[in-house]
Amino acid sequence: MINDVIREKVPLAPFTTLQIGGSARYFASANNENELFASLEFADQRALPVFILGGGSNVLIADEGFPGLVLQVAIKGTEWLGDGSVTAGAGEDWDEFVRQCVALELAGIECLSGIPGLVGGTPVQNVGAYGQEVSETITSVRVYDRSTYRIIEFSNGDCRFAYRTSIFNTTARDRYIVLAATFALKPQGQPTIRYLDLEKIFGGATASPSLREVREAVRSIRASKAMLLMPGDPDCHSAGSFFKNPIVAADLLEQLAEAVPHYPAADGRVKVPAAWLIEHAGFQKGYTRGRAGISSKHSLAIVNRGGATAREVLDLANEIQDRVEMKFGVRLQLEPVLMGFEMQP
């Protein structure tokens, strides 16, 4: 222990849903902004690289660990501002935050139930599922700018949200640290039912489902696909969807021999389900390669079957990417963040 905040040689696997990864040279969990500033100053004085760790549900950590400071932003607090506006600290548990909003009959994020992780990670990835994205409700994001050493507020437009991306994980990656996010939700609003799985459940209902019913349905669907963290389920040792759904030019589909399911996307392009591509490239649910494998419940999830290494996970991911690209001409992009790999010889 260096001080009350910073520890040395901390194993990182327990902080992740994949349960994979080496140790951090230094580790700090910042419960407030002052602890965050002190941790960053510690790293700056020693010229250490810094990695910001959220809930560990969307990260693959190298077997060698991380040679710098791993900083977990654990700032909590929820402020209900009235008229459906609410600010949540970056360290708040995301699914618990959604539960509270649904209980207060605030609509806008009910379809994002059951997603593991912390509030601070949602604007970074523009988290989305079952017909909703956080970019639809986020009004502002409070961040610390590591370049200017200032706290600033980003508007929704400043965040440059797109499919699974934002300024925080693209053009300004590693510059900003999310401290809190403010959401504009709809009091007594109607739930969003525009995803096929939810339409199947509620399509024949004579009355509109409640927010609570939609939340429970989403969690049930996620559980059936091992996308809900459940004790004793080996398929839960994953990072969720390991690949993004590719967005491609519409004319690419015309060149393929098979009819590929697709959905409209921006700029006249189309979104193709990565799970369909994986399965039609010859991979079945439950496929294994060493101690890593594809979930037996969801072909988008790569799971740790027990004792898997990060290298084994990446080897399987590369095999999937290569075969999909060979058959369909599309290179699947990884969704989890990779930590420590670029620092290995």
Protein backbone atom coordinates (compact mmCIF):
# COMPACT_ATOMS: atom_id res chain seq x y z
CA MET A 1 0.00 0.00 0.00
CA ILE A 2 1.57 3.29 -1.15
CA ASN A 3 -1.06 5.41 0.62
CA ASP A 4 -4.75 5.25 1.53
CA VAL A 5 -5.75 5.07 -2.14
CA ILE A 6 -2.96 3.43 -4.16
CA ARG A 7 -2.02 -0.23 -3.86
CA GLU A 8 0.74 -2.22 -5.55
CA LYS A 9 0.62 -5.44 -7.59
CA VAL A 10 -3.14 -5.90 -7.54
CA PRO A 11 -4.58 -8.87 -9.53
CA LEU A 12 -7.03 -7.54 -12.09
CA ALA A 13 -8.94 -10.68 -13.09
CA PRO A 14 -11.36 -10.43 -10.12
CA PHE A 15 -12.40 -6.97 -11.35
CA THR A 16 -13.62 -8.37 -14.69
CA THR A 17 -16.52 -10.50 -15.84
CA LEU A 18 -14.16 -12.61 -17.97
CA GLN A 19 -12.05 -13.35 -14.87
CA ILE A 20 -8.90 -13.00 -16.97
CA GLY A 21 -5.82 -10.81 -16.72
CA GLY A 22 -2.56 -10.21 -14.88
CA SER A 23 -1.80 -7.67 -12.17
CA ALA A 24 -1.63 -3.90 -12.15
CA ARG A 25 1.67 -2.43 -11.04
CA TYR A 26 -0.43 0.14 -9.18
CA PHE A 27 -4.17 0.24 -8.57
CA ALA A 28 -6.42 2.98 -7.18
CA SER A 29 -10.15 3.17 -6.59
CA ALA A 30 -11.16 6.83 -6.44
CA ASN A 31 -14.28 7.43 -4.36
CA ASN A 32 -14.28 11.17 -4.97
CA GLU A 33 -12.69 13.74 -7.25
CA ASN A 34 -9.88 14.58 -4.83
CA GLU A 35 -8.78 10.93 -4.72
CA LEU A 36 -8.92 10.85 -8.52
CA PHE A 37 -6.72 13.96 -8.80
CA ALA A 38 -4.22 12.57 -6.28
CA SER A 39 -4.01 9.26 -8.15
CA LEU A 40 -3.39 10.98 -11.47
CA GLU A 41 -0.72 13.18 -9.87
CA PHE A 42 0.96 10.04 -8.53
CA ALA A 43 1.06 8.60 -12.06
CA ASP A 44 2.24 11.86 -13.64
CA GLN A 45 5.14 12.20 -11.20
CA ARG A 46 6.36 8.73 -12.17
CA ALA A 47 5.53 8.97 -15.90
CA LEU A 48 3.22 5.97 -15.58
CA PRO A 49 0.63 5.00 -18.19
CA VAL A 50 -2.92 5.16 -16.83
CA PHE A 51 -5.86 2.92 -17.64
CA ILE A 52 -9.37 3.87 -16.53
CA LEU A 53 -11.26 0.76 -15.41
CA GLY A 54 -15.04 0.74 -15.06
CA GLY A 55 -17.10 -2.25 -14.03
CA GLY A 56 -14.84 -4.68 -15.90
CA SER A 57 -17.63 -6.00 -18.11
CA ASN A 58 -16.25 -4.75 -21.41
CA VAL A 59 -12.50 -5.30 -21.12
CA LEU A 60 -9.92 -7.97 -21.89
CA ILE A 61 -6.75 -7.61 -19.82
CA ALA A 62 -3.42 -8.98 -20.99
CA ASP A 63 -1.98 -11.97 -19.14
CA GLU A 64 1.05 -9.85 -18.30
CA GLY A 65 -1.17 -7.26 -16.62
CA PHE A 66 -0.65 -3.51 -16.82
CA PRO A 67 2.69 -1.81 -16.07
CA GLY A 68 1.21 1.50 -14.90
CA LEU A 69 -1.70 2.75 -12.80
CA VAL A 70 -5.14 1.20 -13.17
CA LEU A 71 -7.64 3.76 -11.91
CA GLN A 72 -11.20 2.78 -11.11
CA VAL A 73 -13.61 5.71 -10.87
CA ALA A 74 -15.89 4.80 -7.97
CA ILE A 75 -17.59 8.18 -7.53
CA LYS A 76 -21.17 7.57 -6.43
CA GLY A 77 -24.25 9.67 -5.89
CA THR A 78 -27.56 10.15 -7.68
CA GLU A 79 -29.30 13.51 -7.89
CA TRP A 80 -32.94 13.61 -8.97
CA LEU A 81 -33.40 17.03 -10.57
CA GLY A 82 -37.10 16.93 -11.39
CA ASP A 83 -39.00 16.68 -14.69
CA GLY A 84 -37.24 13.38 -15.38
CA SER A 85 -33.71 14.77 -15.27
CA VAL A 86 -31.23 12.82 -13.15
CA THR A 87 -27.46 12.92 -12.64
CA ALA A 88 -25.57 9.79 -11.62
CA GLY A 89 -21.96 9.44 -10.56
CA ALA A 90 -19.62 7.41 -12.76
CA GLY A 91 -19.22 4.76 -10.07
CA GLU A 92 -22.92 3.96 -9.73
CA ASP A 93 -23.96 0.45 -10.76
CA TRP A 94 -25.72 0.80 -14.10
CA ASP A 95 -28.43 -1.82 -13.69
CA GLU A 96 -29.31 -0.57 -10.21
CA PHE A 97 -29.59 2.94 -11.63
CA VAL A 98 -31.95 1.67 -14.34
CA ARG A 99 -34.01 -0.16 -11.69
CA GLN A 100 -34.40 3.03 -9.68
CA CYS A 101 -35.47 5.00 -12.75
CA VAL A 102 -38.04 2.37 -13.72
CA ALA A 103 -39.38 2.28 -10.15
CA LEU A 104 -39.94 6.04 -10.41
CA GLU A 105 -41.70 5.52 -13.77
CA LEU A 106 -39.04 7.37 -15.73
CA ALA A 107 -38.87 6.06 -19.30
CA GLY A 108 -35.92 6.06 -21.67
CA ILE A 109 -33.44 3.46 -20.46
CA GLU A 110 -35.67 0.52 -19.48
CA CYS A 111 -34.42 -1.58 -22.43
CA LEU A 112 -30.85 -1.16 -21.13
CA SER A 113 -31.67 -3.25 -18.06
CA GLY A 114 -29.32 -6.03 -17.03
CA ILE A 115 -26.23 -4.56 -18.68
CA PRO A 116 -23.31 -5.03 -16.27
CA GLY A 117 -20.91 -2.23 -15.49
CA LEU A 118 -20.95 1.31 -14.15
CA VAL A 119 -22.68 4.51 -15.24
CA GLY A 120 -19.36 6.07 -16.28
CA GLY A 121 -18.82 3.52 -19.02
CA THR A 122 -22.16 4.07 -20.73
CA PRO A 123 -21.39 7.35 -22.54
CA VAL A 124 -17.93 6.10 -23.50
CA GLN A 125 -19.32 3.11 -25.41
CA ASN A 126 -22.70 4.70 -26.21
CA VAL A 127 -24.17 1.60 -24.65
CA GLY A 128 -27.23 0.26 -26.45
CA ALA A 129 -29.50 -2.78 -26.50
CA TYR A 130 -33.02 -3.83 -27.47
CA GLY A 131 -33.85 -0.65 -29.34
CA GLN A 132 -32.33 2.01 -27.08
CA GLU A 133 -28.98 3.79 -26.75
CA VAL A 134 -27.85 6.04 -23.91
CA SER A 135 -27.18 8.80 -26.46
CA GLU A 136 -30.96 9.20 -26.80
CA THR A 137 -31.29 10.38 -23.20
CA ILE A 138 -27.89 11.76 -22.12
CA THR A 139 -27.98 15.56 -21.96
CA SER A 140 -24.53 16.20 -20.49
CA VAL A 141 -21.42 14.42 -19.28
CA ARG A 142 -19.14 15.81 -16.56
CA VAL A 143 -15.52 14.94 -17.34
CA TYR A 144 -11.99 15.63 -16.20
CA ASP A 145 -9.72 16.80 -19.01
CA ARG A 146 -6.27 15.27 -18.47
CA SER A 147 -4.71 17.68 -20.97
CA THR A 148 -5.89 20.94 -19.39
CA TYR A 149 -6.37 19.66 -15.82
CA ARG A 150 -9.90 21.04 -15.76
CA ILE A 151 -13.38 19.68 -15.13
CA ILE A 152 -15.74 20.49 -17.99
CA GLU A 153 -19.28 19.68 -19.09
CA PHE A 154 -19.91 18.04 -22.46
CA SER A 155 -23.28 18.46 -24.13
CA ASN A 156 -24.83 15.54 -25.99
CA GLY A 157 -23.54 16.96 -29.27
CA ASP A 158 -20.04 17.41 -27.86
CA CYS A 159 -19.91 13.66 -27.17
CA ARG A 160 -20.19 12.84 -30.91
CA PHE A 161 -22.18 9.71 -30.31
CA ALA A 162 -22.39 7.04 -33.00
CA TYR A 163 -22.93 3.29 -32.97
CA ARG A 164 -21.00 2.03 -29.91
CA THR A 165 -18.69 5.01 -30.06
CA SER A 166 -18.19 8.52 -28.73
CA ILE A 167 -15.43 11.11 -28.59
CA PHE A 168 -14.25 9.32 -25.43
CA ASN A 169 -13.20 6.12 -27.20
CA THR A 170 -12.25 7.52 -30.61
CA THR A 171 -10.70 10.91 -31.41
CA ALA A 172 -10.08 11.88 -27.76
CA ARG A 173 -9.43 8.45 -26.33
CA ASP A 174 -7.59 8.58 -22.97
CA ARG A 175 -7.96 12.36 -22.70
CA TYR A 176 -11.20 12.58 -20.71
CA ILE A 177 -12.33 10.76 -17.57
CA VAL A 178 -16.08 10.54 -17.04
CA LEU A 179 -17.13 11.72 -13.57
CA ALA A 180 -20.93 11.80 -13.96
CA ALA A 181 -23.68 11.79 -16.56
CA THR A 182 -27.05 13.54 -16.69
CA PHE A 183 -30.05 11.88 -18.34
CA ALA A 184 -33.34 13.40 -19.51
CA LEU A 185 -36.01 10.73 -18.97
CA LYS A 186 -39.78 10.88 -19.48
CA PRO A 187 -41.98 10.82 -16.36
CA GLN A 188 -44.80 8.28 -16.86
CA GLY A 189 -43.47 7.75 -20.38
CA GLN A 190 -44.29 4.72 -22.51
CA PRO A 191 -41.67 1.95 -22.80
CA THR A 192 -39.78 1.43 -26.04
CA ILE A 193 -40.98 -1.65 -27.93
CA ARG A 194 -39.16 -1.67 -31.25
CA TYR A 195 -36.87 -4.70 -30.94
CA LEU A 196 -38.04 -8.01 -32.39
CA ASP A 197 -37.61 -10.02 -29.18
CA LEU A 198 -39.73 -7.52 -27.25
CA GLU A 199 -42.31 -7.30 -30.03
CA LYS A 200 -42.74 -11.07 -29.81
CA ILE A 201 -43.45 -10.83 -26.10
CA PHE A 202 -45.74 -7.80 -26.10
CA GLY A 203 -47.01 -7.67 -29.69
CA GLY A 204 -50.33 -9.34 -28.90
CA ALA A 205 -50.99 -7.52 -25.65
CA THR A 206 -54.22 -5.52 -25.47
CA ALA A 207 -52.68 -2.95 -23.12
CA SER A 208 -49.32 -1.22 -23.24
CA PRO A 209 -46.80 -2.93 -20.95
CA SER A 210 -45.43 -1.05 -17.97
CA LEU A 211 -41.80 0.01 -17.69
CA ARG A 212 -41.35 -2.64 -15.00
CA GLU A 213 -42.73 -5.37 -17.27
CA VAL A 214 -40.39 -4.34 -20.09
CA ARG A 215 -37.43 -4.26 -17.72
CA GLU A 216 -38.26 -7.77 -16.48
CA ALA A 217 -38.67 -9.01 -20.06
CA VAL A 218 -35.30 -7.57 -21.10
CA ARG A 219 -33.58 -9.15 -18.11
CA SER A 220 -35.25 -12.47 -18.91
CA ILE A 221 -34.08 -12.32 -22.53
CA ARG A 222 -30.56 -11.43 -21.44
CA ALA A 223 -30.57 -14.31 -18.93
CA SER A 224 -31.60 -16.76 -21.67
CA LYS A 225 -28.55 -15.62 -23.67
CA ALA A 226 -26.19 -15.64 -20.65
CA MET A 227 -25.93 -11.86 -20.96
CA LEU A 228 -27.10 -11.41 -17.39
CA LEU A 229 -24.61 -12.13 -14.62
CA MET A 230 -25.98 -15.17 -12.79
CA PRO A 231 -24.04 -17.13 -10.14
CA GLY A 232 -23.21 -20.65 -11.28
CA ASP A 233 -23.69 -20.04 -15.00
CA PRO A 234 -20.37 -20.71 -16.79
CA ASP A 235 -21.58 -18.81 -19.86
CA CYS A 236 -21.60 -15.62 -17.78
CA HIS A 237 -17.78 -15.48 -17.72
CA SER A 238 -17.72 -13.30 -20.80
CA ALA A 239 -17.32 -9.66 -21.81
CA GLY A 240 -20.80 -9.60 -23.31
CA SER A 241 -20.89 -9.20 -27.08
CA PHE A 242 -17.30 -9.65 -28.23
CA PHE A 243 -17.96 -8.27 -31.72
CA LYS A 244 -19.82 -5.23 -32.99
CA ASN A 245 -22.56 -5.59 -35.57
CA PRO A 246 -20.83 -4.39 -38.76
CA ILE A 247 -22.27 -1.47 -40.70
CA VAL A 248 -21.54 -1.93 -44.38
CA ALA A 249 -22.38 -0.52 -47.79
CA ALA A 250 -25.70 -1.83 -49.09
CA ASP A 251 -24.17 -3.01 -52.36
CA LEU A 252 -21.88 -5.39 -50.48
CA LEU A 253 -24.88 -7.58 -49.68
CA GLU A 254 -25.71 -7.90 -53.37
CA GLN A 255 -22.33 -9.54 -53.97
CA LEU A 256 -22.97 -12.34 -51.49
CA ALA A 257 -24.46 -15.67 -52.46
CA GLU A 258 -26.58 -15.87 -49.29
CA ALA A 259 -29.43 -13.60 -48.26
CA VAL A 260 -28.03 -11.75 -45.26
CA PRO A 261 -30.42 -10.20 -42.72
CA HIS A 262 -29.85 -6.49 -42.35
CA TYR A 263 -31.31 -3.29 -40.97
CA PRO A 264 -31.11 0.34 -42.11
CA ALA A 265 -28.22 2.42 -40.76
CA ALA A 266 -26.99 5.95 -41.37
CA ASP A 267 -25.79 7.28 -44.74
CA GLY A 268 -27.62 4.64 -46.75
CA ARG A 269 -25.61 1.80 -45.23
CA VAL A 270 -26.96 -1.27 -43.46
CA LYS A 271 -26.27 -3.01 -40.17
CA VAL A 272 -25.67 -6.77 -40.31
CA PRO A 273 -26.04 -9.03 -37.24
CA ALA A 274 -22.57 -10.25 -36.29
CA ALA A 275 -24.10 -13.32 -34.65
CA TRP A 276 -25.62 -14.38 -38.00
CA LEU A 277 -22.29 -13.95 -39.77
CA ILE A 278 -20.48 -15.98 -37.13
CA GLU A 279 -22.97 -18.85 -37.24
CA HIS A 280 -23.06 -18.91 -41.05
CA ALA A 281 -19.28 -18.92 -41.17
CA GLY A 282 -19.45 -22.32 -39.49
CA PHE A 283 -19.24 -21.54 -35.77
CA GLN A 284 -21.83 -23.05 -33.50
CA LYS A 285 -22.78 -22.07 -29.98
CA GLY A 286 -20.56 -23.98 -27.58
CA TYR A 287 -17.58 -24.12 -29.96
CA THR A 288 -14.33 -24.32 -27.99
CA ARG A 289 -10.69 -23.60 -28.65
CA GLY A 290 -8.55 -24.57 -25.70
CA ARG A 291 -10.01 -23.08 -22.54
CA ALA A 292 -11.88 -20.34 -24.40
CA GLY A 293 -15.09 -20.87 -26.29
CA ILE A 294 -18.26 -19.42 -27.75
CA SER A 295 -21.14 -19.26 -25.29
CA SER A 296 -23.59 -22.15 -25.53
CA LYS A 297 -26.39 -19.57 -25.39
CA HIS A 298 -25.15 -16.69 -27.55
CA SER A 299 -22.77 -16.84 -30.51
CA LEU A 300 -21.56 -13.26 -29.96
CA ALA A 301 -20.07 -14.01 -26.54
CA ILE A 302 -16.62 -15.50 -26.01
CA VAL A 303 -16.40 -17.16 -22.61
CA ASN A 304 -13.74 -18.32 -20.21
CA ARG A 305 -14.39 -22.05 -19.81
CA GLY A 306 -12.05 -22.16 -16.84
CA GLY A 307 -8.47 -20.98 -16.61
CA ALA A 308 -8.45 -19.39 -20.06
CA THR A 309 -5.74 -16.86 -20.85
CA ALA A 310 -6.20 -13.58 -22.66
CA ARG A 311 -4.11 -14.96 -25.51
CA GLU A 312 -6.47 -17.93 -25.88
CA VAL A 313 -9.44 -15.55 -26.05
CA LEU A 314 -7.76 -13.43 -28.72
CA ASP A 315 -6.73 -16.50 -30.71
CA LEU A 316 -10.36 -17.60 -30.82
CA ALA A 317 -11.49 -14.09 -31.73
CA ASN A 318 -8.96 -13.99 -34.58
CA GLU A 319 -10.13 -17.36 -35.85
CA ILE A 320 -13.71 -16.08 -35.95
CA GLN A 321 -12.69 -12.83 -37.64
CA ASP A 322 -10.63 -14.62 -40.28
CA ARG A 323 -13.34 -17.10 -41.21
CA VAL A 324 -16.10 -14.48 -41.35
CA GLU A 325 -13.91 -12.24 -43.51
CA MET A 326 -13.02 -15.12 -45.82
CA LYS A 327 -16.68 -15.99 -46.42
CA PHE A 328 -18.39 -12.59 -46.33
CA GLY A 329 -15.64 -10.03 -46.94
CA VAL A 330 -16.43 -8.33 -43.62
CA ARG A 331 -13.86 -7.97 -40.83
CA LEU A 332 -15.63 -8.04 -37.48
CA GLN A 333 -14.48 -5.40 -35.00
CA LEU A 334 -13.92 -6.20 -31.34
CA GLU A 335 -16.25 -4.56 -28.84
CA PRO A 336 -14.26 -5.03 -25.57
CA VAL A 337 -11.41 -2.67 -24.73
CA LEU A 338 -7.98 -4.32 -24.72
CA MET A 339 -5.76 -3.44 -21.76
CA GLY A 340 -1.99 -3.96 -21.64
CA PHE A 341 -1.49 -5.66 -25.01
CA GLU A 342 0.10 -2.66 -26.70
CA MET A 343 2.71 -2.52 -23.94
CA GLN A 344 4.01 -6.03 -24.44
CA PRO A 345 7.21 -6.68 -26.45
